[in-house]
Amino acid sequence: MAVQTQTRQVGDIQIAIAATLQRADGTAVDLSSLTVKFAMYDRDGTAKVAETTDNVSETDSVAGEVQYSPVAADVDTAGLYYAYFITEDGSSKQDTFPATKKEFRIEIMDVI
């Protein structure tokens, strides 16, 4: 996953935060037997959305496509946030996507 920025306005919850989870070689992660979590942090490392499975869905498990549907509290403050998805197998082994957590940015803009 290359650096990606998704921009939205304060209060926008209708469109999910979506990503395609891929390994370093570009192959999609098959999510069929994995649990997927989402997290989002501000620039200081404070959790805006702590790691959660709530509101996370797989839109295409084999192709590694996932999304997180934000709630109002997730997008109530303007700023730059860093997001990532975590996959976990049944034995608690985890992988983080993107591996470099600051490569997936969520920019929340003030409503003008």
N, C-alpha and C. Protein backbone atom coordinates (compact mmCIF):
# COMPACT_ATOMS: atom_id res chain seq x y z
N MET A 1 0.85 -1.17 0.00
CA MET A 1 0.00 0.00 0.00
C MET A 1 0.89 1.23 0.00
N ALA A 2 0.82 2.04 -1.02
CA ALA A 2 1.56 3.30 -1.08
C ALA A 2 0.87 4.32 -0.19
N VAL A 3 1.53 5.45 0.06
CA VAL A 3 0.92 6.49 0.88
C VAL A 3 -0.42 6.88 0.25
N GLN A 4 -1.44 6.83 1.06
CA GLN A 4 -2.79 7.13 0.60
C GLN A 4 -3.41 8.11 1.57
N THR A 5 -4.10 9.11 1.05
CA THR A 5 -4.83 10.06 1.89
C THR A 5 -6.29 10.06 1.48
N GLN A 6 -7.16 9.88 2.45
CA GLN A 6 -8.59 10.02 2.21
C GLN A 6 -9.03 11.27 2.94
N THR A 7 -9.73 12.14 2.24
CA THR A 7 -10.16 13.41 2.81
C THR A 7 -11.67 13.41 2.97
N ARG A 8 -12.11 13.94 4.08
CA ARG A 8 -13.55 14.08 4.33
C ARG A 8 -13.79 15.29 5.21
N GLN A 9 -15.03 15.71 5.32
CA GLN A 9 -15.41 16.86 6.14
C GLN A 9 -15.75 16.37 7.55
N VAL A 10 -15.63 17.27 8.52
CA VAL A 10 -16.08 16.95 9.87
C VAL A 10 -17.53 16.49 9.78
N GLY A 11 -17.83 15.38 10.41
CA GLY A 11 -19.20 14.86 10.45
C GLY A 11 -19.56 13.90 9.33
N ASP A 12 -18.70 13.75 8.31
CA ASP A 12 -19.01 12.85 7.20
C ASP A 12 -18.87 11.39 7.63
N ILE A 13 -20.00 10.68 7.66
CA ILE A 13 -19.96 9.27 8.04
C ILE A 13 -20.61 8.36 7.00
N GLN A 14 -21.10 8.94 5.93
CA GLN A 14 -21.82 8.13 4.96
C GLN A 14 -20.91 7.22 4.14
N ILE A 15 -19.69 7.67 3.85
CA ILE A 15 -18.77 6.88 3.04
C ILE A 15 -17.74 6.21 3.94
N ALA A 16 -17.58 4.91 3.78
CA ALA A 16 -16.64 4.14 4.59
C ALA A 16 -15.19 4.46 4.22
N ILE A 17 -14.31 4.22 5.16
CA ILE A 17 -12.87 4.30 4.94
C ILE A 17 -12.46 2.95 4.38
N ALA A 18 -12.01 2.92 3.15
CA ALA A 18 -11.77 1.65 2.46
C ALA A 18 -10.30 1.48 2.10
N ALA A 19 -9.89 0.22 2.02
CA ALA A 19 -8.52 -0.10 1.63
C ALA A 19 -8.47 -1.52 1.05
N THR A 20 -7.42 -1.76 0.27
CA THR A 20 -7.12 -3.10 -0.21
C THR A 20 -5.83 -3.53 0.47
N LEU A 21 -5.89 -4.59 1.24
CA LEU A 21 -4.72 -5.05 1.98
C LEU A 21 -3.87 -5.94 1.08
N GLN A 22 -2.60 -5.53 0.95
CA GLN A 22 -1.67 -6.24 0.07
C GLN A 22 -0.36 -6.50 0.78
N ARG A 23 0.28 -7.59 0.41
CA ARG A 23 1.63 -7.91 0.91
C ARG A 23 2.64 -7.01 0.18
N ALA A 24 3.87 -7.03 0.62
CA ALA A 24 4.92 -6.19 0.03
C ALA A 24 5.11 -6.46 -1.45
N ASP A 25 4.84 -7.69 -1.89
CA ASP A 25 5.01 -8.01 -3.31
C ASP A 25 3.79 -7.64 -4.16
N GLY A 26 2.79 -7.03 -3.53
CA GLY A 26 1.61 -6.57 -4.26
C GLY A 26 0.46 -7.56 -4.31
N THR A 27 0.65 -8.76 -3.78
CA THR A 27 -0.44 -9.73 -3.79
C THR A 27 -1.45 -9.40 -2.69
N ALA A 28 -2.72 -9.62 -3.01
CA ALA A 28 -3.78 -9.35 -2.06
C ALA A 28 -3.73 -10.34 -0.90
N VAL A 29 -4.11 -9.88 0.27
CA VAL A 29 -4.20 -10.73 1.45
C VAL A 29 -5.57 -11.40 1.43
N ASP A 30 -5.58 -12.72 1.46
CA ASP A 30 -6.84 -13.46 1.52
C ASP A 30 -7.32 -13.40 2.97
N LEU A 31 -8.44 -12.73 3.18
CA LEU A 31 -8.96 -12.49 4.52
C LEU A 31 -9.94 -13.55 5.00
N SER A 32 -10.16 -14.57 4.18
CA SER A 32 -11.21 -15.55 4.46
C SER A 32 -11.16 -16.15 5.85
N SER A 33 -9.97 -16.41 6.39
CA SER A 33 -9.88 -17.04 7.71
C SER A 33 -9.26 -16.10 8.75
N LEU A 34 -9.31 -14.80 8.48
CA LEU A 34 -8.68 -13.83 9.38
C LEU A 34 -9.72 -12.90 9.99
N THR A 35 -9.40 -12.36 11.15
CA THR A 35 -10.17 -11.30 11.77
C THR A 35 -9.51 -9.99 11.38
N VAL A 36 -10.29 -8.98 11.03
CA VAL A 36 -9.74 -7.69 10.62
C VAL A 36 -10.17 -6.62 11.63
N LYS A 37 -9.18 -5.81 12.04
CA LYS A 37 -9.42 -4.69 12.96
C LYS A 37 -9.02 -3.39 12.26
N PHE A 38 -9.50 -2.27 12.80
CA PHE A 38 -9.17 -0.94 12.30
C PHE A 38 -8.74 -0.09 13.47
N ALA A 39 -7.83 0.85 13.22
CA ALA A 39 -7.42 1.82 14.23
C ALA A 39 -7.07 3.13 13.55
N MET A 40 -7.24 4.24 14.28
CA MET A 40 -6.91 5.57 13.74
C MET A 40 -6.38 6.43 14.89
N TYR A 41 -5.24 7.07 14.64
CA TYR A 41 -4.56 7.87 15.65
C TYR A 41 -4.28 9.27 15.13
N ASP A 42 -4.21 10.24 16.07
CA ASP A 42 -3.84 11.59 15.65
C ASP A 42 -2.32 11.70 15.56
N ARG A 43 -1.83 12.87 15.21
CA ARG A 43 -0.38 13.07 15.01
C ARG A 43 0.44 12.79 16.27
N ASP A 44 -0.19 12.97 17.45
CA ASP A 44 0.52 12.76 18.70
C ASP A 44 0.47 11.31 19.17
N GLY A 45 -0.22 10.45 18.41
CA GLY A 45 -0.32 9.05 18.78
C GLY A 45 -1.48 8.71 19.69
N THR A 46 -2.39 9.68 19.87
CA THR A 46 -3.58 9.44 20.68
C THR A 46 -4.64 8.76 19.84
N ALA A 47 -5.22 7.70 20.37
CA ALA A 47 -6.22 6.94 19.61
C ALA A 47 -7.49 7.75 19.41
N LYS A 48 -7.87 7.91 18.16
CA LYS A 48 -9.19 8.47 17.82
C LYS A 48 -10.16 7.29 17.71
N VAL A 49 -9.67 6.20 17.10
CA VAL A 49 -10.39 4.93 17.06
C VAL A 49 -9.39 3.87 17.53
N ALA A 50 -9.60 3.35 18.74
CA ALA A 50 -8.72 2.28 19.23
C ALA A 50 -8.97 1.03 18.41
N GLU A 51 -7.99 0.13 18.36
CA GLU A 51 -8.13 -1.10 17.55
C GLU A 51 -9.47 -1.75 17.84
N THR A 52 -10.25 -1.96 16.77
CA THR A 52 -11.59 -2.50 16.92
C THR A 52 -12.00 -3.35 15.72
N THR A 53 -12.89 -4.28 15.96
CA THR A 53 -13.53 -5.02 14.88
C THR A 53 -14.90 -4.44 14.59
N ASP A 54 -15.39 -3.56 15.47
CA ASP A 54 -16.69 -2.92 15.27
C ASP A 54 -16.66 -2.09 13.99
N ASN A 55 -17.71 -2.18 13.21
CA ASN A 55 -17.89 -1.41 11.97
C ASN A 55 -16.86 -1.74 10.89
N VAL A 56 -16.13 -2.83 11.05
CA VAL A 56 -15.18 -3.28 10.03
C VAL A 56 -15.85 -4.38 9.22
N SER A 57 -15.76 -4.27 7.89
CA SER A 57 -16.32 -5.33 7.05
C SER A 57 -15.37 -5.62 5.90
N GLU A 58 -15.47 -6.84 5.42
CA GLU A 58 -14.69 -7.27 4.26
C GLU A 58 -15.62 -7.17 3.05
N THR A 59 -15.26 -6.33 2.10
CA THR A 59 -16.10 -6.19 0.92
C THR A 59 -15.76 -7.23 -0.14
N ASP A 60 -14.52 -7.74 -0.12
CA ASP A 60 -14.10 -8.85 -0.98
C ASP A 60 -12.96 -9.56 -0.26
N SER A 61 -13.28 -10.61 0.46
CA SER A 61 -12.28 -11.30 1.31
C SER A 61 -11.08 -11.80 0.53
N VAL A 62 -11.30 -12.41 -0.62
CA VAL A 62 -10.20 -12.99 -1.40
C VAL A 62 -9.30 -11.90 -1.97
N ALA A 63 -9.87 -10.76 -2.34
CA ALA A 63 -9.10 -9.66 -2.92
C ALA A 63 -8.52 -8.73 -1.86
N GLY A 64 -8.75 -9.01 -0.57
CA GLY A 64 -8.19 -8.19 0.50
C GLY A 64 -8.86 -6.84 0.69
N GLU A 65 -10.09 -6.70 0.23
CA GLU A 65 -10.79 -5.41 0.30
C GLU A 65 -11.58 -5.31 1.60
N VAL A 66 -11.31 -4.24 2.34
CA VAL A 66 -11.94 -4.01 3.64
C VAL A 66 -12.42 -2.58 3.74
N GLN A 67 -13.29 -2.35 4.72
CA GLN A 67 -13.71 -0.97 4.98
C GLN A 67 -14.09 -0.82 6.44
N TYR A 68 -14.00 0.41 6.90
CA TYR A 68 -14.43 0.78 8.24
C TYR A 68 -15.47 1.87 8.09
N SER A 69 -16.63 1.67 8.70
CA SER A 69 -17.71 2.65 8.64
C SER A 69 -17.62 3.52 9.89
N PRO A 70 -17.19 4.78 9.73
CA PRO A 70 -17.01 5.63 10.90
C PRO A 70 -18.33 6.03 11.54
N VAL A 71 -18.26 6.32 12.84
CA VAL A 71 -19.39 6.90 13.57
C VAL A 71 -19.05 8.37 13.80
N ALA A 72 -20.03 9.14 14.22
CA ALA A 72 -19.86 10.59 14.36
C ALA A 72 -18.65 10.99 15.20
N ALA A 73 -18.40 10.28 16.30
CA ALA A 73 -17.27 10.63 17.17
C ALA A 73 -15.92 10.43 16.49
N ASP A 74 -15.86 9.59 15.46
CA ASP A 74 -14.60 9.33 14.74
C ASP A 74 -14.19 10.50 13.87
N VAL A 75 -15.14 11.29 13.43
CA VAL A 75 -14.88 12.37 12.47
C VAL A 75 -15.40 13.71 12.97
N ASP A 76 -15.36 13.92 14.28
CA ASP A 76 -15.90 15.16 14.85
C ASP A 76 -14.86 16.26 15.03
N THR A 77 -13.58 15.95 14.77
CA THR A 77 -12.52 16.92 14.98
C THR A 77 -11.62 17.00 13.75
N ALA A 78 -11.46 18.21 13.21
CA ALA A 78 -10.59 18.41 12.05
C ALA A 78 -9.15 18.06 12.41
N GLY A 79 -8.42 17.55 11.42
CA GLY A 79 -7.02 17.24 11.65
C GLY A 79 -6.54 16.12 10.75
N LEU A 80 -5.27 15.81 10.88
CA LEU A 80 -4.67 14.72 10.12
C LEU A 80 -4.53 13.52 11.05
N TYR A 81 -5.01 12.39 10.58
CA TYR A 81 -4.98 11.16 11.35
C TYR A 81 -4.29 10.07 10.54
N TYR A 82 -3.76 9.09 11.25
CA TYR A 82 -3.12 7.94 10.61
C TYR A 82 -3.94 6.70 10.94
N ALA A 83 -4.25 5.93 9.93
CA ALA A 83 -5.09 4.76 10.11
C ALA A 83 -4.36 3.51 9.65
N TYR A 84 -4.81 2.38 10.14
CA TYR A 84 -4.29 1.11 9.66
C TYR A 84 -5.28 0.00 9.97
N PHE A 85 -5.16 -1.07 9.23
CA PHE A 85 -5.94 -2.28 9.45
C PHE A 85 -4.99 -3.35 9.98
N ILE A 86 -5.51 -4.22 10.82
CA ILE A 86 -4.74 -5.32 11.39
C ILE A 86 -5.47 -6.61 11.05
N THR A 87 -4.72 -7.62 10.60
CA THR A 87 -5.31 -8.94 10.42
C THR A 87 -4.77 -9.84 11.51
N GLU A 88 -5.63 -10.74 11.98
CA GLU A 88 -5.22 -11.65 13.04
C GLU A 88 -5.78 -13.03 12.73
N ASP A 89 -4.90 -14.04 12.86
CA ASP A 89 -5.37 -15.41 12.64
C ASP A 89 -5.84 -16.00 13.98
N GLY A 90 -6.26 -17.23 13.96
CA GLY A 90 -6.79 -17.87 15.17
C GLY A 90 -5.80 -18.05 16.29
N SER A 91 -4.50 -17.95 16.01
CA SER A 91 -3.49 -18.12 17.06
C SER A 91 -2.90 -16.78 17.51
N SER A 92 -3.60 -15.69 17.24
CA SER A 92 -3.21 -14.33 17.64
C SER A 92 -1.99 -13.78 16.91
N LYS A 93 -1.61 -14.37 15.78
CA LYS A 93 -0.55 -13.79 14.95
C LYS A 93 -1.16 -12.65 14.16
N GLN A 94 -0.45 -11.51 14.15
CA GLN A 94 -0.98 -10.30 13.52
C GLN A 94 -0.10 -9.79 12.41
N ASP A 95 -0.72 -9.11 11.46
CA ASP A 95 -0.03 -8.32 10.44
C ASP A 95 -0.73 -6.97 10.39
N THR A 96 0.04 -5.91 10.15
CA THR A 96 -0.49 -4.55 10.09
C THR A 96 -0.38 -4.03 8.67
N PHE A 97 -1.43 -3.38 8.19
CA PHE A 97 -1.46 -2.82 6.83
C PHE A 97 -1.92 -1.38 6.89
N PRO A 98 -1.17 -0.45 6.37
CA PRO A 98 0.17 -0.65 5.83
C PRO A 98 1.16 -0.92 6.97
N ALA A 99 2.27 -1.56 6.63
CA ALA A 99 3.28 -1.91 7.63
C ALA A 99 3.85 -0.66 8.29
N THR A 100 4.03 0.41 7.51
CA THR A 100 4.44 1.69 8.06
C THR A 100 3.15 2.46 8.34
N LYS A 101 2.83 2.61 9.61
CA LYS A 101 1.51 3.10 10.00
C LYS A 101 1.17 4.50 9.50
N LYS A 102 2.13 5.31 9.16
CA LYS A 102 1.82 6.68 8.71
C LYS A 102 1.62 6.77 7.20
N GLU A 103 1.46 5.63 6.54
CA GLU A 103 1.24 5.64 5.09
C GLU A 103 -0.24 5.72 4.71
N PHE A 104 -1.14 5.60 5.65
CA PHE A 104 -2.57 5.67 5.37
C PHE A 104 -3.13 6.82 6.20
N ARG A 105 -3.41 7.92 5.53
CA ARG A 105 -3.79 9.16 6.20
C ARG A 105 -5.26 9.46 5.98
N ILE A 106 -5.89 9.92 7.04
CA ILE A 106 -7.27 10.38 6.97
C ILE A 106 -7.24 11.85 7.35
N GLU A 107 -7.58 12.71 6.41
CA GLU A 107 -7.61 14.15 6.66
C GLU A 107 -9.06 14.57 6.83
N ILE A 108 -9.36 15.11 8.01
CA ILE A 108 -10.72 15.59 8.28
C ILE A 108 -10.67 17.11 8.27
N MET A 109 -11.44 17.67 7.34
CA MET A 109 -11.45 19.12 7.12
C MET A 109 -12.61 19.78 7.86
N ASP A 110 -12.38 21.00 8.36
CA ASP A 110 -13.47 21.79 8.95
C ASP A 110 -14.51 22.10 7.90
N VAL A 111 -15.76 22.12 8.30
CA VAL A 111 -16.83 22.52 7.41
C VAL A 111 -16.77 24.05 7.32
N ILE A 112 -16.77 24.55 6.10
CA ILE A 112 -16.65 26.01 5.90
C ILE A 112 -18.02 26.64 5.91
